[in-house]
Amino acid sequence: MTNGPGDADFLKAEPEETREEATDDISSRSPEEQIASLSSDLEEMRQEAAQAREQAQRAYADLANYRKRTEEEQLSLRQDANRRLIISLLPAIDELELAVNHLGNGVGNGEAADSWVEGVKLIHRKLHGLLEAEGLSKIEAVGAQFDPLQHEAVGVVESAEHPSGYVVEAVRNGYRLRDRVIQAAQVVVAR
């Protein structure tokens, strides 16, 4: 913060000679003149104090705004870093989900294979829980009306089950991070 004109002028001590001259000057005046002079000086000091108080309040408000802006920037940077990390994890998440969906009951040869399958399912659930806690949600596509803001059409088929313009199949999952689509769902749409 820089000092403006008149800042802290009232804090500077006057030289001894000036104070003595002012005292001699005041004492030579009539009481009415002394009161008027002192009232004028008092009013000047009040104005200077008000200016100093206003400048201090302005500086405090500037500091509060700076802190708020800095906190918002830090939050934005953290969210952007999280978003980039989550986007880079999405292909692995999709592949893990595909693997879990293809695992069937009784696929393994015995107890060891079953525990391995359960382990993979547990990893899948924990990973989804962690990403949901960060604000990631899957875009539900099958059965929904096609929305170009959330879906990317990769094919069109004739369908008796779904009305025209509705999603029949999701080829790749779509994801939303908080309110922002970070990966559109690739879908097949009914004609």
Protein backbone atom coordinates (compact mmCIF):
# COMPACT_ATOMS: atom_id res chain seq x y z
CA MET A 1 0.00 0.00 0.00
CA THR A 2 1.42 3.38 -0.91
CA ASN A 3 0.84 6.50 1.05
CA GLY A 4 -1.14 9.17 -0.69
CA PRO A 5 -0.77 12.90 -0.31
CA GLY A 6 -1.28 13.96 3.26
CA ASP A 7 -0.89 10.43 4.67
CA ALA A 8 0.63 10.50 8.10
CA ASP A 9 1.51 14.20 7.79
CA PHE A 10 -0.22 14.72 11.09
CA LEU A 11 2.09 12.14 12.67
CA LYS A 12 5.26 14.07 11.79
CA ALA A 13 6.52 16.14 14.67
CA GLU A 14 6.84 19.84 14.09
CA PRO A 15 10.22 21.40 14.84
CA GLU A 16 10.52 23.02 18.29
CA GLU A 17 10.78 26.53 16.84
CA THR A 18 7.53 26.18 14.90
CA ARG A 19 5.65 24.94 17.98
CA GLU A 20 7.00 27.79 20.07
CA GLU A 21 6.08 30.29 17.37
CA ALA A 22 2.59 28.80 17.17
CA THR A 23 2.22 28.96 20.97
CA ASP A 24 3.40 32.57 21.04
CA ASP A 25 1.11 33.37 18.14
CA ILE A 26 -1.92 31.82 19.87
CA SER A 27 -1.22 33.46 23.23
CA SER A 28 -1.09 36.90 21.64
CA ARG A 29 -4.63 36.48 20.30
CA SER A 30 -7.91 37.12 22.03
CA PRO A 31 -9.67 34.10 23.60
CA GLU A 32 -12.27 34.07 20.82
CA GLU A 33 -9.55 34.00 18.18
CA GLN A 34 -7.72 31.25 20.10
CA ILE A 35 -10.89 29.16 20.26
CA ALA A 36 -11.55 29.70 16.56
CA SER A 37 -7.97 28.79 15.67
CA LEU A 38 -7.99 25.70 17.88
CA SER A 39 -11.41 24.68 16.51
CA SER A 40 -10.07 25.03 12.99
CA ASP A 41 -6.98 22.96 13.86
CA LEU A 42 -9.20 20.37 15.55
CA GLU A 43 -11.43 20.13 12.49
CA GLU A 44 -8.36 19.65 10.25
CA MET A 45 -7.13 16.86 12.52
CA ARG A 46 -10.56 15.22 12.47
CA GLN A 47 -10.59 15.31 8.66
CA GLU A 48 -7.10 13.85 8.51
CA ALA A 49 -8.10 11.14 11.00
CA ALA A 50 -11.22 10.37 8.94
CA GLN A 51 -9.09 10.11 5.79
CA ALA A 52 -6.64 7.81 7.56
CA ARG A 53 -9.52 5.66 8.85
CA GLU A 54 -11.03 5.52 5.35
CA GLN A 55 -7.67 4.51 3.85
CA ALA A 56 -7.22 1.82 6.52
CA GLN A 57 -10.72 0.47 5.80
CA ARG A 58 -9.99 0.47 2.08
CA ALA A 59 -6.71 -1.37 2.66
CA TYR A 60 -8.49 -3.92 4.87
CA ALA A 61 -11.14 -4.46 2.18
CA ASP A 62 -8.43 -4.85 -0.47
CA LEU A 63 -6.68 -7.43 1.69
CA ALA A 64 -9.92 -9.34 2.27
CA ASN A 65 -10.65 -9.33 -1.49
CA TYR A 66 -7.11 -10.50 -2.23
CA ARG A 67 -7.42 -13.38 0.24
CA LYS A 68 -10.79 -14.41 -1.21
CA ARG A 69 -9.49 -14.24 -4.77
CA THR A 70 -6.40 -16.27 -3.83
CA GLU A 71 -8.51 -18.94 -2.12
CA GLU A 72 -10.78 -19.17 -5.18
CA GLU A 73 -7.76 -19.49 -7.49
CA GLN A 74 -6.27 -22.25 -5.33
CA LEU A 75 -9.56 -24.13 -5.29
CA SER A 76 -9.85 -23.78 -9.05
CA LEU A 77 -6.30 -25.08 -9.54
CA ARG A 78 -6.98 -28.10 -7.29
CA GLN A 79 -10.22 -28.87 -9.11
CA ASP A 80 -8.49 -28.57 -12.48
CA ALA A 81 -5.72 -30.92 -11.35
CA ASN A 82 -8.34 -33.40 -10.07
CA ARG A 83 -10.27 -33.11 -13.33
CA ARG A 84 -7.19 -33.86 -15.42
CA LEU A 85 -6.29 -36.85 -13.25
CA ILE A 86 -9.83 -38.24 -13.39
CA ILE A 87 -9.99 -37.78 -17.18
CA SER A 88 -6.76 -39.74 -17.57
CA LEU A 89 -8.19 -42.53 -15.34
CA LEU A 90 -11.47 -42.88 -17.26
CA PRO A 91 -10.22 -45.44 -19.85
CA ALA A 92 -8.89 -47.69 -17.06
CA ILE A 93 -12.16 -47.31 -15.15
CA ASP A 94 -14.17 -48.26 -18.23
CA GLU A 95 -11.99 -51.31 -18.83
CA LEU A 96 -12.28 -52.40 -15.20
CA GLU A 97 -16.05 -52.00 -15.37
CA LEU A 98 -16.14 -54.02 -18.59
CA ALA A 99 -14.14 -56.78 -16.88
CA VAL A 100 -16.44 -56.79 -13.86
CA ASN A 101 -19.53 -56.95 -16.11
CA HIS A 102 -18.09 -59.96 -17.95
CA LEU A 103 -17.27 -61.83 -14.76
CA GLY A 104 -19.99 -64.33 -14.07
CA ASN A 105 -20.84 -66.38 -11.05
CA GLY A 106 -19.01 -69.67 -11.13
CA VAL A 107 -16.50 -68.53 -13.79
CA GLY A 108 -13.51 -69.64 -11.74
CA ASN A 109 -12.14 -73.04 -11.01
CA GLY A 110 -12.57 -73.25 -7.28
CA GLU A 111 -12.30 -71.05 -4.26
CA ALA A 112 -9.11 -69.19 -5.31
CA ALA A 113 -10.67 -68.00 -8.58
CA ASP A 114 -13.84 -66.90 -6.77
CA SER A 115 -11.85 -64.87 -4.26
CA TRP A 116 -9.92 -63.27 -7.14
CA VAL A 117 -13.20 -62.30 -8.81
CA GLU A 118 -14.50 -60.85 -5.54
CA GLY A 119 -11.24 -58.92 -5.14
CA VAL A 120 -11.63 -57.34 -8.57
CA LYS A 121 -15.25 -56.42 -7.77
CA LEU A 122 -14.12 -54.88 -4.46
CA ILE A 123 -11.47 -52.78 -6.24
CA HIS A 124 -14.12 -51.64 -8.72
CA ARG A 125 -16.52 -50.58 -5.92
CA LYS A 126 -13.80 -48.74 -3.98
CA LEU A 127 -12.57 -46.91 -7.06
CA HIS A 128 -16.10 -45.79 -7.93
CA GLY A 129 -16.68 -44.69 -4.32
CA LEU A 130 -13.49 -42.64 -4.33
CA LEU A 131 -14.35 -40.95 -7.63
CA GLU A 132 -17.93 -40.26 -6.55
CA ALA A 133 -16.56 -38.57 -3.44
CA GLU A 134 -14.58 -36.28 -5.78
CA GLY A 135 -17.80 -35.37 -7.64
CA LEU A 136 -17.68 -37.84 -10.56
CA SER A 137 -20.98 -39.30 -11.70
CA LYS A 138 -21.86 -41.55 -14.60
CA ILE A 139 -24.18 -40.19 -17.27
CA GLU A 140 -27.12 -42.56 -17.54
CA ALA A 141 -27.68 -43.12 -21.22
CA VAL A 142 -29.71 -46.25 -22.07
CA GLY A 143 -33.41 -45.39 -22.22
CA ALA A 144 -32.79 -41.63 -22.07
CA GLN A 145 -33.60 -39.23 -24.87
CA PHE A 146 -30.52 -38.36 -26.94
CA ASP A 147 -28.90 -35.16 -25.67
CA PRO A 148 -25.98 -33.85 -27.76
CA LEU A 149 -24.57 -32.12 -24.67
CA GLN A 150 -24.15 -35.47 -22.91
CA HIS A 151 -24.15 -38.07 -25.68
CA GLU A 152 -22.09 -38.72 -28.76
CA ALA A 153 -24.01 -40.77 -31.35
CA VAL A 154 -21.83 -43.49 -32.88
CA GLY A 155 -24.65 -45.38 -34.53
CA VAL A 156 -28.36 -45.50 -35.36
CA VAL A 157 -30.55 -48.63 -35.34
CA GLU A 158 -34.17 -49.52 -35.95
CA SER A 159 -35.84 -50.35 -32.64
CA ALA A 160 -39.33 -51.49 -31.77
CA GLU A 161 -38.59 -51.24 -28.03
CA HIS A 162 -37.40 -47.61 -27.94
CA PRO A 163 -38.99 -44.54 -29.51
CA SER A 164 -37.08 -42.61 -32.13
CA GLY A 165 -34.38 -40.35 -30.68
CA TYR A 166 -33.84 -42.45 -27.55
CA VAL A 167 -30.59 -44.19 -26.59
CA VAL A 168 -30.64 -47.95 -27.20
CA GLU A 169 -27.09 -48.86 -26.16
CA ALA A 170 -24.09 -47.21 -24.48
CA VAL A 171 -20.86 -48.08 -26.29
CA ARG A 172 -18.69 -46.06 -23.86
CA ASN A 173 -19.75 -44.59 -20.53
CA GLY A 174 -20.06 -40.84 -20.16
CA TYR A 175 -19.05 -38.97 -17.02
CA ARG A 176 -19.84 -35.68 -15.37
CA LEU A 177 -17.52 -34.04 -12.84
CA ARG A 178 -19.79 -32.00 -10.60
CA ASP A 179 -21.98 -30.20 -13.17
CA ARG A 180 -19.58 -30.38 -16.09
CA VAL A 181 -19.51 -33.17 -18.70
CA ILE A 182 -15.90 -34.37 -18.97
CA GLN A 183 -16.57 -37.34 -21.25
CA ALA A 184 -19.66 -37.67 -23.42
CA ALA A 185 -21.29 -41.11 -23.54
CA GLN A 186 -20.88 -42.80 -26.90
CA VAL A 187 -24.31 -44.21 -27.73
CA VAL A 188 -26.41 -45.94 -30.34
CA VAL A 189 -29.70 -44.13 -30.96
CA ALA A 190 -33.06 -45.52 -32.09
CA ARG A 191 -34.32 -44.32 -35.44
